[in-house]
């Protein structure tokens, strides 16, 4: 597949998650709640996660922002559900490396998340893409301890 076709496909995946977000909403009853915002561009997110037996049983988000921040939140909640805290945090590290243009563990199936790798070429947008991931890290790091 040529670079232009891949770029177009990735853009379509991002817009699909933006227009049809997965896991949008709020979890009730004792779930972890993390609120974060990106003052630079006005993105804000409220991430709620239910952690049971060391696993992310469910994750939902509410918020507003650009297509990159909201689609990244949608992709992230899909990717971490059912994973152990350690695996979710490891995935976050891989995503962070990808956003910074660093080498990252290639053996992982990133699914739709891979569509965001082009964001690394636009430094001003990296904070948009990583907002939900930072919220997840913050929540799971406190849960882990």
N, C-alpha and C. Protein backbone atom coordinates (compact mmCIF):
# COMPACT_ATOMS: atom_id res chain seq x y z
N UNK A 1 0.86 -1.18 0.00
CA UNK A 1 0.00 0.00 0.00
C UNK A 1 0.90 1.24 0.00
N UNK A 2 0.58 2.20 -0.83
CA UNK A 2 1.41 3.40 -0.89
C UNK A 2 1.20 4.27 0.34
N UNK A 3 2.16 5.16 0.56
CA UNK A 3 2.11 6.04 1.73
C UNK A 3 0.82 6.88 1.73
N UNK A 4 0.44 7.42 0.57
CA UNK A 4 -0.77 8.25 0.51
C UNK A 4 -2.02 7.46 0.86
N UNK A 5 -2.10 6.22 0.37
CA UNK A 5 -3.26 5.38 0.70
C UNK A 5 -3.29 5.07 2.19
N UNK A 6 -2.13 4.79 2.76
CA UNK A 6 -2.04 4.50 4.18
C UNK A 6 -2.43 5.72 5.00
N UNK A 7 -1.95 6.88 4.59
CA UNK A 7 -2.28 8.14 5.25
C UNK A 7 -3.79 8.38 5.23
N UNK A 8 -4.40 8.13 4.08
CA UNK A 8 -5.85 8.31 3.94
C UNK A 8 -6.60 7.33 4.83
N UNK A 9 -6.15 6.07 4.84
CA UNK A 9 -6.77 5.06 5.69
C UNK A 9 -6.69 5.47 7.16
N UNK A 10 -5.50 5.90 7.60
CA UNK A 10 -5.33 6.32 8.98
C UNK A 10 -6.24 7.50 9.32
N UNK A 11 -6.35 8.45 8.40
CA UNK A 11 -7.22 9.60 8.63
C UNK A 11 -8.67 9.13 8.78
N UNK A 12 -9.08 8.16 7.98
CA UNK A 12 -10.44 7.63 8.06
C UNK A 12 -10.69 6.93 9.39
N UNK A 13 -9.70 6.19 9.87
CA UNK A 13 -9.83 5.50 11.16
C UNK A 13 -9.98 6.53 12.29
N UNK A 14 -9.16 7.56 12.26
CA UNK A 14 -9.23 8.62 13.28
C UNK A 14 -10.60 9.29 13.25
N UNK A 15 -11.08 9.63 12.06
CA UNK A 15 -12.38 10.30 11.96
C UNK A 15 -13.53 9.38 12.37
N UNK A 16 -13.40 8.08 12.10
CA UNK A 16 -14.43 7.14 12.53
C UNK A 16 -14.53 7.10 14.05
N UNK A 17 -13.39 7.06 14.74
CA UNK A 17 -13.40 7.07 16.21
C UNK A 17 -13.91 8.41 16.75
N UNK A 18 -13.65 9.49 16.02
CA UNK A 18 -14.12 10.81 16.47
C UNK A 18 -15.64 10.91 16.32
N UNK A 19 -16.15 10.46 15.18
CA UNK A 19 -17.59 10.58 14.92
C UNK A 19 -18.41 9.49 15.61
N UNK A 20 -17.80 8.34 15.83
CA UNK A 20 -18.48 7.21 16.47
C UNK A 20 -17.61 6.69 17.62
N UNK A 21 -17.47 7.51 18.67
CA UNK A 21 -16.56 7.12 19.76
C UNK A 21 -17.01 5.84 20.46
N UNK A 22 -16.03 5.00 20.74
CA UNK A 22 -16.28 3.79 21.50
C UNK A 22 -16.13 4.12 22.98
N UNK A 23 -16.96 3.51 23.81
CA UNK A 23 -16.85 3.65 25.27
C UNK A 23 -17.07 5.07 25.77
N UNK A 24 -17.94 5.80 25.11
CA UNK A 24 -18.25 7.15 25.56
C UNK A 24 -19.26 7.03 26.70
N UNK A 25 -19.03 7.77 27.74
CA UNK A 25 -19.94 7.74 28.87
C UNK A 25 -19.18 7.74 30.18
N UNK A 26 -19.91 7.50 31.26
CA UNK A 26 -19.32 7.54 32.60
C UNK A 26 -19.69 6.25 33.32
N UNK A 27 -18.74 5.68 34.02
CA UNK A 27 -19.00 4.52 34.87
C UNK A 27 -19.30 5.02 36.27
N UNK A 28 -20.28 4.41 36.89
CA UNK A 28 -20.65 4.81 38.25
C UNK A 28 -20.07 3.83 39.26
N UNK A 29 -20.59 3.82 40.43
CA UNK A 29 -20.31 2.91 41.54
C UNK A 29 -18.84 2.60 41.82
N UNK A 30 -18.19 3.60 42.39
CA UNK A 30 -16.84 3.39 42.91
C UNK A 30 -15.74 3.24 41.88
N UNK A 31 -16.02 3.66 40.67
CA UNK A 31 -14.98 3.58 39.65
C UNK A 31 -13.94 4.67 39.87
N UNK A 32 -12.74 4.41 39.33
CA UNK A 32 -11.70 5.44 39.33
C UNK A 32 -12.12 6.56 38.39
N UNK A 33 -11.99 7.80 38.81
CA UNK A 33 -12.32 8.94 37.94
C UNK A 33 -11.12 9.86 37.88
N UNK A 34 -10.69 10.15 36.65
CA UNK A 34 -9.55 11.04 36.45
C UNK A 34 -9.98 12.14 35.49
N UNK A 35 -9.78 13.38 35.90
CA UNK A 35 -10.07 14.52 35.05
C UNK A 35 -8.75 15.16 34.63
N UNK A 36 -8.58 15.39 33.34
CA UNK A 36 -7.38 16.06 32.86
C UNK A 36 -7.77 17.00 31.72
N UNK A 37 -6.93 18.00 31.54
CA UNK A 37 -7.15 18.89 30.41
C UNK A 37 -5.83 19.33 29.81
N UNK A 38 -5.92 19.80 28.58
CA UNK A 38 -4.76 20.33 27.87
C UNK A 38 -5.05 21.81 27.65
N UNK A 39 -4.53 22.68 28.54
CA UNK A 39 -4.84 24.10 28.45
C UNK A 39 -4.37 24.75 27.14
N UNK A 40 -3.38 24.14 26.49
CA UNK A 40 -2.86 24.71 25.25
C UNK A 40 -3.93 24.79 24.18
N UNK A 41 -4.75 23.73 24.08
CA UNK A 41 -5.75 23.74 23.01
C UNK A 41 -7.17 23.55 23.51
N UNK A 42 -7.36 23.39 24.82
CA UNK A 42 -8.71 23.30 25.37
C UNK A 42 -9.29 21.90 25.44
N UNK A 43 -8.53 20.87 25.07
CA UNK A 43 -9.04 19.50 25.19
C UNK A 43 -9.22 19.19 26.67
N UNK A 44 -10.30 18.48 26.98
CA UNK A 44 -10.49 18.01 28.35
C UNK A 44 -11.13 16.64 28.33
N UNK A 45 -10.78 15.84 29.32
CA UNK A 45 -11.31 14.48 29.38
C UNK A 45 -11.61 14.09 30.81
N UNK A 46 -12.67 13.31 30.97
CA UNK A 46 -12.95 12.65 32.24
C UNK A 46 -12.93 11.16 31.91
N UNK A 47 -11.99 10.46 32.48
CA UNK A 47 -11.84 9.03 32.25
C UNK A 47 -12.32 8.31 33.50
N UNK A 48 -13.20 7.33 33.32
CA UNK A 48 -13.59 6.49 34.44
C UNK A 48 -13.22 5.05 34.10
N UNK A 49 -12.66 4.36 35.08
CA UNK A 49 -12.24 2.97 34.88
C UNK A 49 -12.68 2.13 36.07
N UNK A 50 -13.08 0.91 35.78
CA UNK A 50 -13.39 -0.05 36.83
C UNK A 50 -12.26 -1.07 36.82
N UNK A 51 -11.56 -1.19 37.94
CA UNK A 51 -10.45 -2.13 38.05
C UNK A 51 -10.87 -3.23 39.02
N UNK A 52 -10.80 -4.48 38.53
CA UNK A 52 -11.15 -5.63 39.36
C UNK A 52 -10.07 -6.69 39.20
N UNK A 53 -9.59 -7.21 40.31
CA UNK A 53 -8.58 -8.28 40.31
C UNK A 53 -7.36 -7.94 39.45
N UNK A 54 -6.91 -6.68 39.55
CA UNK A 54 -5.71 -6.27 38.83
C UNK A 54 -5.89 -6.07 37.33
N UNK A 55 -7.15 -6.08 36.88
CA UNK A 55 -7.44 -5.88 35.45
C UNK A 55 -8.37 -4.69 35.25
N UNK A 56 -8.26 -4.07 34.08
CA UNK A 56 -9.18 -3.00 33.71
C UNK A 56 -10.44 -3.68 33.18
N UNK A 57 -11.45 -3.76 34.03
CA UNK A 57 -12.69 -4.43 33.65
C UNK A 57 -13.50 -3.58 32.66
N UNK A 58 -13.44 -2.27 32.83
CA UNK A 58 -14.18 -1.39 31.93
C UNK A 58 -13.54 0.00 31.96
N UNK A 59 -13.74 0.74 30.89
CA UNK A 59 -13.22 2.11 30.80
C UNK A 59 -14.14 2.92 29.91
N UNK A 60 -14.44 4.12 30.34
CA UNK A 60 -15.29 5.04 29.58
C UNK A 60 -14.70 6.44 29.67
N UNK A 61 -15.08 7.28 28.72
CA UNK A 61 -14.60 8.66 28.76
C UNK A 61 -15.70 9.62 28.34
N UNK A 62 -15.59 10.81 28.86
CA UNK A 62 -16.40 11.96 28.46
C UNK A 62 -15.41 13.07 28.20
N UNK A 63 -15.78 14.02 27.40
CA UNK A 63 -14.88 15.15 27.21
C UNK A 63 -15.19 15.90 25.94
N UNK A 64 -14.33 16.85 25.67
CA UNK A 64 -14.46 17.61 24.44
C UNK A 64 -13.07 18.01 23.99
N UNK A 65 -12.93 18.09 22.69
CA UNK A 65 -11.64 18.46 22.15
C UNK A 65 -11.57 18.14 20.68
N UNK A 66 -10.37 18.21 20.17
CA UNK A 66 -10.15 17.99 18.74
C UNK A 66 -10.33 16.52 18.38
N UNK A 67 -10.36 16.25 17.09
CA UNK A 67 -10.57 14.88 16.62
C UNK A 67 -9.46 13.95 17.11
N UNK A 68 -8.24 14.46 17.22
CA UNK A 68 -7.12 13.61 17.66
C UNK A 68 -7.29 13.21 19.12
N UNK A 69 -7.62 14.16 19.99
CA UNK A 69 -7.73 13.82 21.42
C UNK A 69 -8.92 12.89 21.68
N UNK A 70 -10.04 13.13 21.03
CA UNK A 70 -11.23 12.31 21.28
C UNK A 70 -11.10 10.93 20.64
N UNK A 71 -10.53 10.85 19.45
CA UNK A 71 -10.36 9.53 18.82
C UNK A 71 -9.30 8.72 19.58
N UNK A 72 -8.27 9.38 20.09
CA UNK A 72 -7.26 8.69 20.87
C UNK A 72 -7.87 8.11 22.15
N UNK A 73 -8.77 8.87 22.79
CA UNK A 73 -9.46 8.38 24.00
C UNK A 73 -10.31 7.16 23.67
N UNK A 74 -11.01 7.20 22.54
CA UNK A 74 -11.83 6.08 22.11
C UNK A 74 -10.97 4.84 21.88
N UNK A 75 -9.86 5.01 21.17
CA UNK A 75 -8.96 3.90 20.88
C UNK A 75 -8.33 3.34 22.15
N UNK A 76 -7.94 4.23 23.04
CA UNK A 76 -7.28 3.82 24.28
C UNK A 76 -8.23 3.00 25.15
N UNK A 77 -9.48 3.45 25.30
CA UNK A 77 -10.41 2.69 26.14
C UNK A 77 -10.66 1.30 25.56
N UNK A 78 -10.72 1.21 24.24
CA UNK A 78 -10.88 -0.11 23.59
C UNK A 78 -9.68 -1.00 23.88
N UNK A 79 -8.50 -0.41 23.78
CA UNK A 79 -7.26 -1.19 23.88
C UNK A 79 -6.99 -1.71 25.29
N UNK A 80 -7.40 -0.99 26.33
CA UNK A 80 -7.03 -1.40 27.69
C UNK A 80 -8.06 -2.30 28.36
N UNK A 81 -9.29 -2.31 27.88
CA UNK A 81 -10.33 -3.12 28.51
C UNK A 81 -9.94 -4.60 28.49
N UNK A 82 -9.98 -5.20 29.66
CA UNK A 82 -9.64 -6.61 29.79
C UNK A 82 -8.16 -6.86 30.06
N UNK A 83 -7.35 -5.82 29.94
CA UNK A 83 -5.91 -5.97 30.19
C UNK A 83 -5.58 -5.82 31.67
N UNK A 84 -4.47 -6.41 32.06
CA UNK A 84 -3.97 -6.19 33.42
C UNK A 84 -3.48 -4.75 33.51
N UNK A 85 -3.36 -4.26 34.74
CA UNK A 85 -2.83 -2.91 34.95
C UNK A 85 -1.45 -2.80 34.30
N UNK A 86 -0.61 -3.81 34.51
CA UNK A 86 0.75 -3.78 33.95
C UNK A 86 0.73 -3.70 32.43
N UNK A 87 -0.14 -4.50 31.78
CA UNK A 87 -0.21 -4.48 30.32
C UNK A 87 -0.75 -3.15 29.80
N UNK A 88 -1.71 -2.57 30.51
CA UNK A 88 -2.25 -1.27 30.10
C UNK A 88 -1.17 -0.20 30.19
N UNK A 89 -0.39 -0.23 31.27
CA UNK A 89 0.69 0.74 31.44
C UNK A 89 1.80 0.52 30.42
N UNK A 90 2.06 -0.74 30.07
CA UNK A 90 3.06 -1.05 29.06
C UNK A 90 2.61 -0.52 27.69
N UNK A 91 1.34 -0.69 27.39
CA UNK A 91 0.78 -0.19 26.14
C UNK A 91 0.90 1.34 26.08
N UNK A 92 0.70 1.98 27.22
CA UNK A 92 0.82 3.43 27.29
C UNK A 92 2.25 3.87 27.00
N UNK A 93 3.22 3.11 27.50
CA UNK A 93 4.64 3.41 27.24
C UNK A 93 4.94 3.27 25.75
N UNK A 94 4.43 2.22 25.13
CA UNK A 94 4.62 2.00 23.69
C UNK A 94 4.00 3.16 22.92
N UNK A 95 2.79 3.57 23.32
CA UNK A 95 2.12 4.69 22.65
C UNK A 95 2.93 5.98 22.79
N UNK A 96 3.44 6.22 23.99
CA UNK A 96 4.26 7.41 24.24
C UNK A 96 5.50 7.41 23.36
N UNK A 97 6.18 6.26 23.28
CA UNK A 97 7.36 6.15 22.41
C UNK A 97 6.98 6.43 20.95
N UNK A 98 5.85 5.87 20.52
CA UNK A 98 5.39 6.08 19.15
C UNK A 98 5.14 7.57 18.88
N UNK A 99 4.54 8.24 19.85
CA UNK A 99 4.24 9.67 19.69
C UNK A 99 5.51 10.51 19.61
N UNK A 100 6.55 10.06 20.30
CA UNK A 100 7.81 10.79 20.31
C UNK A 100 8.72 10.39 19.15
N UNK A 101 8.22 9.52 18.28
CA UNK A 101 9.01 9.09 17.13
C UNK A 101 10.13 8.15 17.50
N UNK A 102 10.07 7.56 18.71
CA UNK A 102 11.10 6.62 19.15
C UNK A 102 10.76 5.22 18.63
N UNK A 103 11.76 4.36 18.68
CA UNK A 103 11.52 2.95 18.38
C UNK A 103 10.58 2.41 19.44
N UNK A 104 9.65 1.59 19.04
CA UNK A 104 8.76 0.98 20.03
C UNK A 104 8.61 -0.50 19.71
N UNK A 105 8.18 -1.24 20.71
CA UNK A 105 8.05 -2.68 20.57
C UNK A 105 7.10 -3.00 19.43
N UNK A 106 7.64 -3.64 18.41
CA UNK A 106 6.89 -3.89 17.20
C UNK A 106 5.97 -5.09 17.28
N UNK A 107 6.22 -5.99 18.21
CA UNK A 107 5.47 -7.23 18.29
C UNK A 107 4.04 -7.07 18.77
N UNK A 108 3.69 -5.91 19.28
CA UNK A 108 2.35 -5.70 19.81
C UNK A 108 1.37 -5.37 18.69
N UNK A 109 0.16 -5.90 18.80
CA UNK A 109 -0.89 -5.54 17.85
C UNK A 109 -1.55 -4.27 18.39
N UNK A 110 -1.24 -3.16 17.75
CA UNK A 110 -1.77 -1.88 18.23
C UNK A 110 -3.17 -1.59 17.67
N UNK A 111 -3.61 -2.36 16.70
CA UNK A 111 -4.94 -2.15 16.13
C UNK A 111 -5.08 -0.73 15.61
N UNK A 112 -6.22 -0.11 15.91
CA UNK A 112 -6.52 1.23 15.41
C UNK A 112 -5.54 2.28 15.91
N UNK A 113 -4.90 2.03 17.06
CA UNK A 113 -3.98 3.00 17.66
C UNK A 113 -2.87 3.38 16.68
N UNK A 114 -2.49 2.44 15.83
CA UNK A 114 -1.43 2.68 14.86
C UNK A 114 -1.76 3.87 13.94
N UNK A 115 -3.04 4.13 13.76
CA UNK A 115 -3.47 5.24 12.91
C UNK A 115 -2.99 6.59 13.43
N UNK A 116 -2.65 6.65 14.71
CA UNK A 116 -2.22 7.91 15.31
C UNK A 116 -0.72 8.17 15.16
N UNK A 117 0.04 7.22 14.59
CA UNK A 117 1.48 7.40 14.54
C UNK A 117 1.90 8.63 13.74
N UNK A 118 1.10 9.07 12.79
CA UNK A 118 1.43 10.27 12.01
C UNK A 118 1.43 11.55 12.85
N UNK A 119 0.77 11.51 13.99
CA UNK A 119 0.71 12.68 14.88
C UNK A 119 2.12 13.07 15.34
N UNK A 120 3.02 12.10 15.41
CA UNK A 120 4.38 12.39 15.89
C UNK A 120 5.09 13.43 15.03
N UNK A 121 4.62 13.63 13.80
CA UNK A 121 5.22 14.64 12.91
C UNK A 121 4.74 16.05 13.23
N UNK A 122 3.75 16.16 14.13
CA UNK A 122 3.18 17.46 14.48
C UNK A 122 3.28 17.67 15.99
N UNK A 123 4.44 18.16 16.45
CA UNK A 123 4.68 18.27 17.90
C UNK A 123 3.57 18.95 18.68
N UNK A 124 2.91 19.94 18.10
CA UNK A 124 1.85 20.64 18.83
C UNK A 124 0.65 19.73 19.09
N UNK A 125 0.49 18.66 18.33
CA UNK A 125 -0.67 17.78 18.47
C UNK A 125 -0.41 16.56 19.35
N UNK A 126 0.85 16.34 19.73
CA UNK A 126 1.18 15.16 20.53
C UNK A 126 0.44 15.19 21.87
N UNK A 127 0.35 16.37 22.49
CA UNK A 127 -0.37 16.48 23.76
C UNK A 127 -1.84 16.12 23.60
N UNK A 128 -2.39 16.42 22.43
CA UNK A 128 -3.80 16.06 22.16
C UNK A 128 -3.94 14.54 22.17
N UNK A 129 -3.03 13.87 21.47
CA UNK A 129 -3.11 12.41 21.34
C UNK A 129 -2.83 11.69 22.65
N UNK A 130 -2.00 12.28 23.51
CA UNK A 130 -1.59 11.57 24.73
C UNK A 130 -2.44 11.91 25.96
N UNK A 131 -3.37 12.85 25.85
CA UNK A 131 -4.15 13.29 27.01
C UNK A 131 -4.86 12.12 27.71
N UNK A 132 -5.61 11.34 26.97
CA UNK A 132 -6.36 10.22 27.58
C UNK A 132 -5.40 9.19 28.17
N UNK A 133 -4.28 8.97 27.49
CA UNK A 133 -3.29 8.01 27.96
C UNK A 133 -2.67 8.46 29.28
N UNK A 134 -2.41 9.76 29.41
CA UNK A 134 -1.84 10.30 30.66
C UNK A 134 -2.86 10.13 31.79
N UNK A 135 -4.14 10.34 31.47
CA UNK A 135 -5.19 10.16 32.48
C UNK A 135 -5.24 8.70 32.94
N UNK A 136 -5.13 7.78 31.99
CA UNK A 136 -5.14 6.36 32.32
C UNK A 136 -3.94 6.00 33.18
N UNK A 137 -2.75 6.49 32.80
CA UNK A 137 -1.54 6.23 33.59
C UNK A 137 -1.70 6.73 35.02
N UNK A 138 -2.22 7.95 35.14
CA UNK A 138 -2.40 8.56 36.47
C UNK A 138 -3.34 7.70 37.32
N UNK A 139 -4.44 7.28 36.74
CA UNK A 139 -5.40 6.47 37.48
C UNK A 139 -4.87 5.10 37.85
N UNK A 140 -4.25 4.42 36.91
CA UNK A 140 -3.76 3.07 37.16
C UNK A 140 -2.53 3.05 38.05
N UNK A 141 -1.72 4.09 38.01
CA UNK A 141 -0.55 4.16 38.86
C UNK A 141 -0.96 4.26 40.32
N UNK A 142 -2.03 4.99 40.62
CA UNK A 142 -2.49 5.09 42.00
C UNK A 142 -3.16 3.78 42.42
N UNK A 143 -3.81 3.12 41.48
CA UNK A 143 -4.50 1.85 41.77
C UNK A 143 -3.48 0.74 42.05
N UNK A 144 -2.36 0.80 41.36
CA UNK A 144 -1.33 -0.23 41.46
C UNK A 144 -0.67 -0.23 42.84
N UNK A 145 -0.56 0.95 43.44
CA UNK A 145 0.16 1.08 44.72
C UNK A 145 -0.71 0.77 45.91
